[in-house]
């Protein structure tokens, strides 16, 4: 899991698309989803076989990512400009 804090929506998208983590928080200290969302991860952060973040029928090579964000939609800007 990882987190990034920013007021820039473009930067948030850039980071969440490139970080190697199964769970990403934007402006949230601990990116653990609430009740409706199951917990899971990539690499060594996942326990056991299979993937508890989705149906077991998903291809073995698929990597799922949950991104939890909290920021003002008006903050959406191109961070590269």
PDB file of N, CA and C in Angstrom:
ATOM      1  N   UNK A   1       0.832  -1.179   0.000  1.00  0.00           N
ATOM      2  CA  UNK A   1       0.000   0.000   0.000  1.00  0.00           C
ATOM      3  C   UNK A   1       0.880   1.246   0.000  1.00  0.00           C
ATOM      4  N   UNK A   2       0.361   2.309  -0.571  1.00  0.00           N
ATOM      5  CA  UNK A   2       1.098   3.570  -0.587  1.00  0.00           C
ATOM      6  C   UNK A   2       0.110   4.726  -0.545  1.00  0.00           C
ATOM      7  N   UNK A   3       0.639   5.907  -0.221  1.00  0.00           N
ATOM      8  CA  UNK A   3      -0.190   7.114  -0.165  1.00  0.00           C
ATOM      9  C   UNK A   3       0.561   8.280  -0.774  1.00  0.00           C
ATOM     10  N   UNK A   4      -0.187   9.224  -1.333  1.00  0.00           N
ATOM     11  CA  UNK A   4       0.381  10.468  -1.840  1.00  0.00           C
ATOM     12  C   UNK A   4      -0.563  11.593  -1.407  1.00  0.00           C
ATOM     13  N   UNK A   5       0.019  12.707  -1.006  1.00  0.00           N
ATOM     14  CA  UNK A   5      -0.773  13.870  -0.603  1.00  0.00           C
ATOM     15  C   UNK A   5      -0.500  15.000  -1.585  1.00  0.00           C
ATOM     16  N   UNK A   6      -1.564  15.516  -2.215  1.00  0.00           N
ATOM     17  CA  UNK A   6      -1.421  16.572  -3.205  1.00  0.00           C
ATOM     18  C   UNK A   6      -2.749  17.294  -3.378  1.00  0.00           C
ATOM     19  N   UNK A   7      -2.688  18.503  -3.884  1.00  0.00           N
ATOM     20  CA  UNK A   7      -3.894  19.237  -4.260  1.00  0.00           C
ATOM     21  C   UNK A   7      -4.074  19.218  -5.771  1.00  0.00           C
ATOM     22  N   UNK A   8      -3.193  18.520  -6.460  1.00  0.00           N
ATOM     23  CA  UNK A   8      -3.181  18.509  -7.913  1.00  0.00           C
ATOM     24  C   UNK A   8      -3.696  17.171  -8.430  1.00  0.00           C
ATOM     25  N   UNK A   9      -4.859  17.184  -9.066  1.00  0.00           N
ATOM     26  CA  UNK A   9      -5.452  15.958  -9.585  1.00  0.00           C
ATOM     27  C   UNK A   9      -4.625  15.281 -10.651  1.00  0.00           C
ATOM     28  N   UNK A  10      -3.971  16.064 -11.496  1.00  0.00           N
ATOM     29  CA  UNK A  10      -3.122  15.482 -12.536  1.00  0.00           C
ATOM     30  C   UNK A  10      -1.955  14.716 -11.938  1.00  0.00           C
ATOM     31  N   UNK A  11      -1.339  15.280 -10.917  1.00  0.00           N
ATOM     32  CA  UNK A  11      -0.238  14.597 -10.240  1.00  0.00           C
ATOM     33  C   UNK A  11      -0.744  13.342  -9.535  1.00  0.00           C
ATOM     34  N   UNK A  12      -1.919  13.427  -8.935  1.00  0.00           N
ATOM     35  CA  UNK A  12      -2.501  12.258  -8.274  1.00  0.00           C
ATOM     36  C   UNK A  12      -2.676  11.121  -9.273  1.00  0.00           C
ATOM     37  N   UNK A  13      -3.198  11.421 -10.448  1.00  0.00           N
ATOM     38  CA  UNK A  13      -3.385  10.391 -11.462  1.00  0.00           C
ATOM     39  C   UNK A  13      -2.041   9.838 -11.921  1.00  0.00           C
ATOM     40  N   UNK A  14      -1.068  10.702 -12.138  1.00  0.00           N
ATOM     41  CA  UNK A  14       0.263  10.281 -12.575  1.00  0.00           C
ATOM     42  C   UNK A  14       0.863   9.282 -11.582  1.00  0.00           C
ATOM     43  N   UNK A  15       0.798   9.612 -10.304  1.00  0.00           N
ATOM     44  CA  UNK A  15       1.390   8.753  -9.277  1.00  0.00           C
ATOM     45  C   UNK A  15       0.624   7.442  -9.158  1.00  0.00           C
ATOM     46  N   UNK A  16      -0.711   7.494  -9.088  1.00  0.00           N
ATOM     47  CA  UNK A  16      -1.486   6.274  -8.883  1.00  0.00           C
ATOM     48  C   UNK A  16      -1.353   5.295 -10.044  1.00  0.00           C
ATOM     49  N   UNK A  17      -1.135   5.791 -11.250  1.00  0.00           N
ATOM     50  CA  UNK A  17      -0.971   4.904 -12.394  1.00  0.00           C
ATOM     51  C   UNK A  17       0.407   4.255 -12.434  1.00  0.00           C
ATOM     52  N   UNK A  18       1.394   4.835 -11.759  1.00  0.00           N
ATOM     53  CA  UNK A  18       2.766   4.346 -11.865  1.00  0.00           C
ATOM     54  C   UNK A  18       3.302   3.654 -10.617  1.00  0.00           C
ATOM     55  N   UNK A  19       2.687   3.858  -9.476  1.00  0.00           N
ATOM     56  CA  UNK A  19       3.188   3.257  -8.240  1.00  0.00           C
ATOM     57  C   UNK A  19       2.935   1.746  -8.269  1.00  0.00           C
ATOM     58  N   UNK A  20       3.886   0.986  -7.763  1.00  0.00           N
ATOM     59  CA  UNK A  20       3.766  -0.469  -7.731  1.00  0.00           C
ATOM     60  C   UNK A  20       3.187  -0.892  -6.386  1.00  0.00           C
ATOM     61  N   UNK A  21       1.883  -0.745  -6.264  1.00  0.00           N
ATOM     62  CA  UNK A  21       1.186  -1.114  -5.034  1.00  0.00           C
ATOM     63  C   UNK A  21      -0.238  -1.509  -5.379  1.00  0.00           C
ATOM     64  N   UNK A  22      -0.776  -2.427  -4.632  1.00  0.00           N
ATOM     65  CA  UNK A  22      -2.140  -2.879  -4.875  1.00  0.00           C
ATOM     66  C   UNK A  22      -3.199  -1.948  -4.335  1.00  0.00           C
ATOM     67  N   UNK A  23      -2.817  -1.093  -3.400  1.00  0.00           N
ATOM     68  CA  UNK A  23      -3.746  -0.127  -2.826  1.00  0.00           C
ATOM     69  C   UNK A  23      -3.039   1.212  -2.739  1.00  0.00           C
ATOM     70  N   UNK A  24      -3.685   2.254  -3.252  1.00  0.00           N
ATOM     71  CA  UNK A  24      -3.091   3.587  -3.270  1.00  0.00           C
ATOM     72  C   UNK A  24      -4.084   4.563  -2.647  1.00  0.00           C
ATOM     73  N   UNK A  25      -3.604   5.376  -1.721  1.00  0.00           N
ATOM     74  CA  UNK A  25      -4.438   6.408  -1.117  1.00  0.00           C
ATOM     75  C   UNK A  25      -4.008   7.774  -1.613  1.00  0.00           C
ATOM     76  N   UNK A  26      -4.963   8.604  -1.988  1.00  0.00           N
ATOM     77  CA  UNK A  26      -4.678   9.986  -2.377  1.00  0.00           C
ATOM     78  C   UNK A  26      -5.323  10.878  -1.327  1.00  0.00           C
ATOM     79  N   UNK A  27      -4.488  11.622  -0.616  1.00  0.00           N
ATOM     80  CA  UNK A  27      -4.930  12.492   0.473  1.00  0.00           C
ATOM     81  C   UNK A  27      -5.617  11.713   1.592  1.00  0.00           C
ATOM     82  N   UNK A  28      -5.248  10.463   1.723  1.00  0.00           N
ATOM     83  CA  UNK A  28      -5.741   9.588   2.778  1.00  0.00           C
ATOM     84  C   UNK A  28      -4.531   8.854   3.337  1.00  0.00           C
ATOM     85  N   UNK A  29      -4.302   8.967   4.650  1.00  0.00           N
ATOM     86  CA  UNK A  29      -3.106   8.399   5.259  1.00  0.00           C
ATOM     87  C   UNK A  29      -2.977   6.900   5.123  1.00  0.00           C
ATOM     88  N   UNK A  30      -4.051   6.165   5.333  1.00  0.00           N
ATOM     89  CA  UNK A  30      -4.023   4.712   5.227  1.00  0.00           C
ATOM     90  C   UNK A  30      -5.051   4.321   4.172  1.00  0.00           C
ATOM     91  N   UNK A  31      -4.606   3.838   3.007  1.00  0.00           N
ATOM     92  CA  UNK A  31      -5.540   3.569   1.913  1.00  0.00           C
ATOM     93  C   UNK A  31      -6.291   2.255   2.067  1.00  0.00           C
ATOM     94  N   UNK A  32      -6.826   1.984   3.256  1.00  0.00           N
ATOM     95  CA  UNK A  32      -7.604   0.771   3.466  1.00  0.00           C
ATOM     96  C   UNK A  32      -9.062   1.104   3.184  1.00  0.00           C
ATOM     97  N   UNK A  33      -9.651   0.441   2.197  1.00  0.00           N
ATOM     98  CA  UNK A  33     -11.038   0.741   1.849  1.00  0.00           C
ATOM     99  C   UNK A  33     -11.996   0.437   2.994  1.00  0.00           C
ATOM    100  N   UNK A  34     -13.163   1.013   2.911  1.00  0.00           N
ATOM    101  CA  UNK A  34     -14.196   0.766   3.912  1.00  0.00           C
ATOM    102  C   UNK A  34     -14.884  -0.564   3.620  1.00  0.00           C
ATOM    103  N   UNK A  35     -15.909  -0.885   4.362  1.00  0.00           N
ATOM    104  CA  UNK A  35     -16.565  -2.187   4.353  1.00  0.00           C
ATOM    105  C   UNK A  35     -16.902  -2.766   2.980  1.00  0.00           C
ATOM    106  N   UNK A  36     -17.427  -1.983   2.032  1.00  0.00           N
ATOM    107  CA  UNK A  36     -17.831  -2.617   0.771  1.00  0.00           C
ATOM    108  C   UNK A  36     -16.669  -3.128  -0.072  1.00  0.00           C
ATOM    109  N   UNK A  37     -15.429  -2.751   0.266  1.00  0.00           N
ATOM    110  CA  UNK A  37     -14.286  -3.111  -0.550  1.00  0.00           C
ATOM    111  C   UNK A  37     -13.415  -4.139   0.156  1.00  0.00           C
ATOM    112  N   UNK A  38     -13.104  -5.284  -0.483  1.00  0.00           N
ATOM    113  CA  UNK A  38     -12.234  -6.268   0.124  1.00  0.00           C
ATOM    114  C   UNK A  38     -10.785  -5.803   0.134  1.00  0.00           C
ATOM    115  N   UNK A  39      -9.979  -6.390   1.009  1.00  0.00           N
ATOM    116  CA  UNK A  39      -8.568  -6.033   1.145  1.00  0.00           C
ATOM    117  C   UNK A  39      -7.715  -6.981   0.319  1.00  0.00           C
ATOM    118  N   UNK A  40      -6.646  -6.467  -0.259  1.00  0.00           N
ATOM    119  CA  UNK A  40      -5.708  -7.295  -1.011  1.00  0.00           C
ATOM    120  C   UNK A  40      -4.484  -6.493  -1.364  1.00  0.00           C
ATOM    121  N   UNK A  41      -3.521  -7.119  -2.016  1.00  0.00           N
ATOM    122  CA  UNK A  41      -2.302  -6.407  -2.357  1.00  0.00           C
ATOM    123  C   UNK A  41      -1.527  -7.105  -3.453  1.00  0.00           C
ATOM    124  N   UNK A  42      -0.374  -6.552  -3.774  1.00  0.00           N
ATOM    125  CA  UNK A  42       0.537  -7.126  -4.764  1.00  0.00           C
ATOM    126  C   UNK A  42       1.757  -7.663  -4.040  1.00  0.00           C
ATOM    127  N   UNK A  43       2.633  -8.312  -4.782  1.00  0.00           N
ATOM    128  CA  UNK A  43       3.935  -8.760  -4.280  1.00  0.00           C
ATOM    129  C   UNK A  43       3.770  -9.581  -3.006  1.00  0.00           C
ATOM    130  N   UNK A  44       4.520  -9.290  -1.957  1.00  0.00           N
ATOM    131  CA  UNK A  44       4.489 -10.068  -0.724  1.00  0.00           C
ATOM    132  C   UNK A  44       3.422  -9.593   0.258  1.00  0.00           C
ATOM    133  N   UNK A  45       2.642  -8.586  -0.103  1.00  0.00           N
ATOM    134  CA  UNK A  45       1.641  -8.065   0.829  1.00  0.00           C
ATOM    135  C   UNK A  45       0.328  -8.837   0.775  1.00  0.00           C
ATOM    136  N   UNK A  46       0.257  -9.821  -0.102  1.00  0.00           N
ATOM    137  CA  UNK A  46      -0.957 -10.633  -0.215  1.00  0.00           C
ATOM    138  C   UNK A  46      -0.714 -11.956   0.505  1.00  0.00           C
ATOM    139  N   UNK A  47      -1.699 -12.472   1.204  1.00  0.00           N
ATOM    140  CA  UNK A  47      -1.551 -13.708   1.957  1.00  0.00           C
ATOM    141  C   UNK A  47      -2.284 -14.838   1.249  1.00  0.00           C
ATOM    142  N   UNK A  48      -1.639 -15.995   1.128  1.00  0.00           N
ATOM    143  CA  UNK A  48      -2.270 -17.179   0.569  1.00  0.00           C
ATOM    144  C   UNK A  48      -2.336 -17.169  -0.943  1.00  0.00           C
ATOM    145  N   UNK A  49      -3.091 -18.123  -1.478  1.00  0.00           N
ATOM    146  CA  UNK A  49      -3.232 -18.238  -2.925  1.00  0.00           C
ATOM    147  C   UNK A  49      -4.499 -17.526  -3.360  1.00  0.00           C
ATOM    148  N   UNK A  50      -4.540 -17.152  -4.617  1.00  0.00           N
ATOM    149  CA  UNK A  50      -5.699 -16.443  -5.125  1.00  0.00           C
ATOM    150  C   UNK A  50      -5.633 -14.970  -4.779  1.00  0.00           C
ATOM    151  N   UNK A  51      -6.687 -14.275  -5.092  1.00  0.00           N
ATOM    152  CA  UNK A  51      -6.729 -12.835  -4.869  1.00  0.00           C
ATOM    153  C   UNK A  51      -8.056 -12.492  -4.227  1.00  0.00           C
ATOM    154  N   UNK A  52      -8.020 -12.010  -2.992  1.00  0.00           N
ATOM    155  CA  UNK A  52      -9.264 -11.703  -2.301  1.00  0.00           C
ATOM    156  C   UNK A  52      -9.867 -10.377  -2.742  1.00  0.00           C
ATOM    157  N   UNK A  53      -9.224  -9.688  -3.690  1.00  0.00           N
ATOM    158  CA  UNK A  53      -9.775  -8.420  -4.151  1.00  0.00           C
ATOM    159  C   UNK A  53     -10.696  -8.580  -5.347  1.00  0.00           C
ATOM    160  N   UNK A  54     -10.897  -9.771  -5.821  1.00  0.00           N
ATOM    161  CA  UNK A  54     -11.758  -9.956  -6.973  1.00  0.00           C
ATOM    162  C   UNK A  54     -12.117 -11.423  -7.133  1.00  0.00           C
ATOM    163  N   UNK A  55     -12.886 -11.748  -8.133  1.00  0.00           N
ATOM    164  CA  UNK A  55     -13.273 -13.127  -8.379  1.00  0.00           C
ATOM    165  C   UNK A  55     -12.056 -13.926  -8.827  1.00  0.00           C
ATOM    166  N   UNK A  56     -11.997 -15.178  -8.421  1.00  0.00           N
ATOM    167  CA  UNK A  56     -10.839 -16.011  -8.748  1.00  0.00           C
ATOM    168  C   UNK A  56     -10.740 -16.305 -10.237  1.00  0.00           C
ATOM    169  N   UNK A  57     -11.756 -15.988 -10.994  1.00  0.00           N
ATOM    170  CA  UNK A  57     -11.721 -16.251 -12.429  1.00  0.00           C
ATOM    171  C   UNK A  57     -10.902 -15.220 -13.207  1.00  0.00           C
ATOM    172  N   UNK A  58     -10.464 -14.156 -12.538  1.00  0.00           N
ATOM    173  CA  UNK A  58      -9.644 -13.150 -13.219  1.00  0.00           C
ATOM    174  C   UNK A  58      -8.307 -13.769 -13.573  1.00  0.00           C
ATOM    175  N   UNK A  59      -7.814 -13.449 -14.721  1.00  0.00           N
ATOM    176  CA  UNK A  59      -6.560 -14.023 -15.215  1.00  0.00           C
ATOM    177  C   UNK A  59      -5.449 -13.944 -14.180  1.00  0.00           C
ATOM    178  N   UNK A  60      -4.636 -14.992 -14.108  1.00  0.00           N
ATOM    179  CA  UNK A  60      -3.537 -15.062 -13.144  1.00  0.00           C
ATOM    180  C   UNK A  60      -2.592 -13.879 -13.265  1.00  0.00           C
ATOM    181  N   UNK A  61      -2.388 -13.349 -14.455  1.00  0.00           N
ATOM    182  CA  UNK A  61      -1.411 -12.283 -14.668  1.00  0.00           C
ATOM    183  C   UNK A  61      -1.981 -10.890 -14.461  1.00  0.00           C
ATOM    184  N   UNK A  62      -3.255 -10.784 -14.189  1.00  0.00           N
ATOM    185  CA  UNK A  62      -3.864  -9.482 -13.950  1.00  0.00           C
ATOM    186  C   UNK A  62      -3.462  -8.964 -12.576  1.00  0.00           C
ATOM    187  N   UNK A  63      -3.094  -7.699 -12.512  1.00  0.00           N
ATOM    188  CA  UNK A  63      -2.803  -7.071 -11.229  1.00  0.00           C
ATOM    189  C   UNK A  63      -3.861  -6.009 -10.977  1.00  0.00           C
ATOM    190  N   UNK A  64      -4.582  -6.173  -9.892  1.00  0.00           N
ATOM    191  CA  UNK A  64      -5.639  -5.234  -9.553  1.00  0.00           C
ATOM    192  C   UNK A  64      -5.079  -4.086  -8.725  1.00  0.00           C
ATOM    193  N   UNK A  65      -5.667  -2.932  -8.881  1.00  0.00           N
ATOM    194  CA  UNK A  65      -5.260  -1.774  -8.089  1.00  0.00           C
ATOM    195  C   UNK A  65      -6.507  -1.013  -7.669  1.00  0.00           C
ATOM    196  N   UNK A  66      -6.583  -0.686  -6.384  1.00  0.00           N
ATOM    197  CA  UNK A  66      -7.659   0.160  -5.872  1.00  0.00           C
ATOM    198  C   UNK A  66      -7.059   1.511  -5.548  1.00  0.00           C
ATOM    199  N   UNK A  67      -7.669   2.567  -6.026  1.00  0.00           N
ATOM    200  CA  UNK A  67      -7.202   3.913  -5.727  1.00  0.00           C
ATOM    201  C   UNK A  67      -8.303   4.634  -4.972  1.00  0.00           C
ATOM    202  N   UNK A  68      -7.998   5.060  -3.762  1.00  0.00           N
ATOM    203  CA  UNK A  68      -8.940   5.797  -2.932  1.00  0.00           C
ATOM    204  C   UNK A  68      -8.488   7.245  -2.901  1.00  0.00           C
ATOM    205  N   UNK A  69      -9.349   8.166  -3.305  1.00  0.00           N
ATOM    206  CA  UNK A  69      -8.941   9.567  -3.380  1.00  0.00           C
ATOM    207  C   UNK A  69      -9.857  10.453  -2.554  1.00  0.00           C
ATOM    208  N   UNK A  70      -9.298  11.573  -2.141  1.00  0.00           N
ATOM    209  CA  UNK A  70     -10.084  12.593  -1.445  1.00  0.00           C
ATOM    210  C   UNK A  70      -9.463  13.937  -1.793  1.00  0.00           C
ATOM    211  N   UNK A  71     -10.047  14.638  -2.759  1.00  0.00           N
ATOM    212  CA  UNK A  71      -9.568  15.953  -3.157  1.00  0.00           C
ATOM    213  C   UNK A  71     -10.664  16.665  -3.926  1.00  0.00           C
ATOM    214  N   UNK A  72     -10.556  17.946  -3.991  1.00  0.00           N
ATOM    215  CA  UNK A  72     -11.524  18.795  -4.666  1.00  0.00           C
ATOM    216  C   UNK A  72     -11.409  18.594  -6.179  1.00  0.00           C
ATOM    217  N   UNK A  73     -12.492  18.221  -6.869  1.00  0.00           N
ATOM    218  CA  UNK A  73     -12.430  18.034  -8.319  1.00  0.00           C
ATOM    219  C   UNK A  73     -11.942  19.276  -9.073  1.00  0.00           C
ATOM    220  N   UNK A  74     -12.129  20.454  -8.496  1.00  0.00           N
ATOM    221  CA  UNK A  74     -11.649  21.674  -9.145  1.00  0.00           C
ATOM    222  C   UNK A  74     -10.128  21.747  -9.144  1.00  0.00           C
ATOM    223  N   UNK A  75      -9.482  20.901  -8.347  1.00  0.00           N
ATOM    224  CA  UNK A  75      -8.020  20.894  -8.274  1.00  0.00           C
ATOM    225  C   UNK A  75      -7.400  20.157  -9.453  1.00  0.00           C
ATOM    226  N   UNK A  76      -8.234  19.586 -10.313  1.00  0.00           N
ATOM    227  CA  UNK A  76      -7.731  18.813 -11.444  1.00  0.00           C
ATOM    228  C   UNK A  76      -7.017  19.731 -12.429  1.00  0.00           C
ATOM    229  N   UNK A  77      -5.716  19.604 -12.474  1.00  0.00           N
ATOM    230  CA  UNK A  77      -4.912  20.386 -13.402  1.00  0.00           C
ATOM    231  C   UNK A  77      -3.819  19.507 -13.954  1.00  0.00           C
ATOM    232  N   UNK A  78      -3.220  19.939 -15.021  1.00  0.00           N
ATOM    233  CA  UNK A  78      -2.081  19.231 -15.589  1.00  0.00           C
ATOM    234  C   UNK A  78      -0.849  19.632 -14.790  1.00  0.00           C
ATOM    235  N   UNK A  79      -0.344  18.730 -13.960  1.00  0.00           N
ATOM    236  CA  UNK A  79       0.759  19.053 -13.053  1.00  0.00           C
ATOM    237  C   UNK A  79       2.062  19.318 -13.800  1.00  0.00           C
ATOM    238  N   UNK A  80       2.120  18.960 -15.088  1.00  0.00           N
ATOM    239  CA  UNK A  80       3.367  19.157 -15.836  1.00  0.00           C
ATOM    240  C   UNK A  80       3.497  20.570 -16.380  1.00  0.00           C
ATOM    241  N   UNK A  81       2.432  21.370 -16.288  1.00  0.00           N
ATOM    242  CA  UNK A  81       2.511  22.731 -16.835  1.00  0.00           C
ATOM    243  C   UNK A  81       2.764  23.750 -15.755  1.00  0.00           C
TER     244      UNK A  81
END
